[in-house]
């Protein structure tokens, strides 16, 4: 759906794009959840947004401990870098 500068998105096009985005996000979440290797997603500030079961097992943490905390807080300032290597 390519647009030129003077064209606007219709509400139907926006709704379709949002639906596609949500579908892709769910697919990504399901894929990451089932991976046998530890995976965590973090934002630009290093706050953990999500982690799969393999991550929780590997680093012996529970989901509540991770919720919106930074990697540095959970693993220690230098420890999180070593844990990810």
C-alpha atoms as a PDB file:
ATOM      1  CA  UNK A   1       0.000   0.000   0.000  1.00  0.00           C
ATOM      2  CA  UNK A   2       2.247   2.742  -1.222  1.00  0.00           C
ATOM      3  CA  UNK A   3       1.115   6.327  -0.673  1.00  0.00           C
ATOM      4  CA  UNK A   4       2.140   9.611  -2.170  1.00  0.00           C
ATOM      5  CA  UNK A   5       2.555  12.635   0.072  1.00  0.00           C
ATOM      6  CA  UNK A   6      -0.840  14.120  -0.752  1.00  0.00           C
ATOM      7  CA  UNK A   7      -2.811  10.881  -0.296  1.00  0.00           C
ATOM      8  CA  UNK A   8      -4.411   9.865   2.979  1.00  0.00           C
ATOM      9  CA  UNK A   9      -5.087   6.416   4.399  1.00  0.00           C
ATOM     10  CA  UNK A  10      -8.712   5.401   4.602  1.00  0.00           C
ATOM     11  CA  UNK A  11     -10.003   4.045   7.888  1.00  0.00           C
ATOM     12  CA  UNK A  12     -10.411   0.613   6.255  1.00  0.00           C
ATOM     13  CA  UNK A  13      -6.767   0.616   5.136  1.00  0.00           C
ATOM     14  CA  UNK A  14      -5.606   1.626   8.609  1.00  0.00           C
ATOM     15  CA  UNK A  15      -7.750  -1.093  10.194  1.00  0.00           C
ATOM     16  CA  UNK A  16      -6.300  -3.660   7.779  1.00  0.00           C
ATOM     17  CA  UNK A  17      -2.727  -2.594   8.563  1.00  0.00           C
ATOM     18  CA  UNK A  18      -3.398  -2.791  12.304  1.00  0.00           C
ATOM     19  CA  UNK A  19      -4.879  -6.272  11.892  1.00  0.00           C
ATOM     20  CA  UNK A  20      -1.827  -7.420   9.901  1.00  0.00           C
ATOM     21  CA  UNK A  21       0.514  -5.941  12.494  1.00  0.00           C
ATOM     22  CA  UNK A  22      -1.317  -7.662  15.370  1.00  0.00           C
ATOM     23  CA  UNK A  23      -1.276 -10.977  13.512  1.00  0.00           C
ATOM     24  CA  UNK A  24       2.465 -10.708  12.905  1.00  0.00           C
ATOM     25  CA  UNK A  25       3.080  -9.748  16.531  1.00  0.00           C
ATOM     26  CA  UNK A  26       1.147 -12.795  17.770  1.00  0.00           C
ATOM     27  CA  UNK A  27       3.101 -15.027  15.365  1.00  0.00           C
ATOM     28  CA  UNK A  28       6.411 -13.621  16.640  1.00  0.00           C
ATOM     29  CA  UNK A  29       5.337 -14.035  20.273  1.00  0.00           C
ATOM     30  CA  UNK A  30       4.318 -17.664  19.697  1.00  0.00           C
ATOM     31  CA  UNK A  31       7.555 -18.412  17.866  1.00  0.00           C
ATOM     32  CA  UNK A  32       9.732 -16.911  20.612  1.00  0.00           C
ATOM     33  CA  UNK A  33       7.751 -18.685  23.332  1.00  0.00           C
ATOM     34  CA  UNK A  34       8.479 -22.101  21.853  1.00  0.00           C
ATOM     35  CA  UNK A  35      12.186 -21.614  21.153  1.00  0.00           C
ATOM     36  CA  UNK A  36      14.405 -23.936  23.204  1.00  0.00           C
ATOM     37  CA  UNK A  37      17.021 -21.194  23.664  1.00  0.00           C
ATOM     38  CA  UNK A  38      16.755 -18.260  26.093  1.00  0.00           C
ATOM     39  CA  UNK A  39      15.259 -15.159  24.466  1.00  0.00           C
ATOM     40  CA  UNK A  40      14.249 -11.848  26.008  1.00  0.00           C
ATOM     41  CA  UNK A  41      13.064  -8.671  24.357  1.00  0.00           C
ATOM     42  CA  UNK A  42      14.177  -5.357  25.787  1.00  0.00           C
ATOM     43  CA  UNK A  43      13.392  -1.764  24.970  1.00  0.00           C
ATOM     44  CA  UNK A  44      15.924   0.957  24.219  1.00  0.00           C
ATOM     45  CA  UNK A  45      16.486   1.605  27.922  1.00  0.00           C
ATOM     46  CA  UNK A  46      17.283  -2.049  28.609  1.00  0.00           C
ATOM     47  CA  UNK A  47      13.960  -2.760  30.359  1.00  0.00           C
ATOM     48  CA  UNK A  48      12.871  -6.352  29.842  1.00  0.00           C
ATOM     49  CA  UNK A  49       9.576  -6.477  27.958  1.00  0.00           C
ATOM     50  CA  UNK A  50       9.223 -10.251  27.701  1.00  0.00           C
ATOM     51  CA  UNK A  51      11.165 -13.466  28.151  1.00  0.00           C
ATOM     52  CA  UNK A  52      10.507 -17.042  27.123  1.00  0.00           C
ATOM     53  CA  UNK A  53      10.486 -20.080  29.447  1.00  0.00           C
ATOM     54  CA  UNK A  54      13.999 -21.088  28.400  1.00  0.00           C
ATOM     55  CA  UNK A  55      15.253 -17.661  29.546  1.00  0.00           C
ATOM     56  CA  UNK A  56      13.482 -17.992  32.889  1.00  0.00           C
ATOM     57  CA  UNK A  57      14.947 -21.474  33.454  1.00  0.00           C
ATOM     58  CA  UNK A  58      18.468 -20.562  32.291  1.00  0.00           C
ATOM     59  CA  UNK A  59      18.755 -17.549  34.565  1.00  0.00           C
ATOM     60  CA  UNK A  60      16.641 -18.951  37.425  1.00  0.00           C
ATOM     61  CA  UNK A  61      14.244 -16.022  37.549  1.00  0.00           C
ATOM     62  CA  UNK A  62      10.473 -15.814  37.463  1.00  0.00           C
ATOM     63  CA  UNK A  63       8.352 -13.587  35.287  1.00  0.00           C
ATOM     64  CA  UNK A  64       7.442 -11.270  38.177  1.00  0.00           C
ATOM     65  CA  UNK A  65      11.123 -10.604  38.879  1.00  0.00           C
ATOM     66  CA  UNK A  66      11.615  -9.480  35.295  1.00  0.00           C
ATOM     67  CA  UNK A  67       8.537  -7.363  34.771  1.00  0.00           C
ATOM     68  CA  UNK A  68       9.657  -3.961  33.459  1.00  0.00           C
ATOM     69  CA  UNK A  69      13.021  -4.190  35.207  1.00  0.00           C
ATOM     70  CA  UNK A  70      16.246  -3.530  33.413  1.00  0.00           C
ATOM     71  CA  UNK A  71      18.779  -6.234  32.662  1.00  0.00           C
ATOM     72  CA  UNK A  72      21.249  -4.373  34.882  1.00  0.00           C
ATOM     73  CA  UNK A  73      18.904  -4.555  37.893  1.00  0.00           C
ATOM     74  CA  UNK A  74      18.043  -8.230  37.430  1.00  0.00           C
ATOM     75  CA  UNK A  75      21.582  -9.468  36.738  1.00  0.00           C
ATOM     76  CA  UNK A  76      23.724  -6.740  38.249  1.00  0.00           C
ATOM     77  CA  UNK A  77      25.373  -3.977  36.284  1.00  0.00           C
ATOM     78  CA  UNK A  78      28.223  -6.076  34.867  1.00  0.00           C
ATOM     79  CA  UNK A  79      26.653  -9.496  35.349  1.00  0.00           C
ATOM     80  CA  UNK A  80      23.983  -9.122  32.672  1.00  0.00           C
ATOM     81  CA  UNK A  81      26.573  -8.631  29.940  1.00  0.00           C
ATOM     82  CA  UNK A  82      28.413 -11.802  31.019  1.00  0.00           C
ATOM     83  CA  UNK A  83      25.124 -13.722  31.239  1.00  0.00           C
ATOM     84  CA  UNK A  84      24.337 -12.917  27.620  1.00  0.00           C
ATOM     85  CA  UNK A  85      27.733 -13.932  26.239  1.00  0.00           C
END
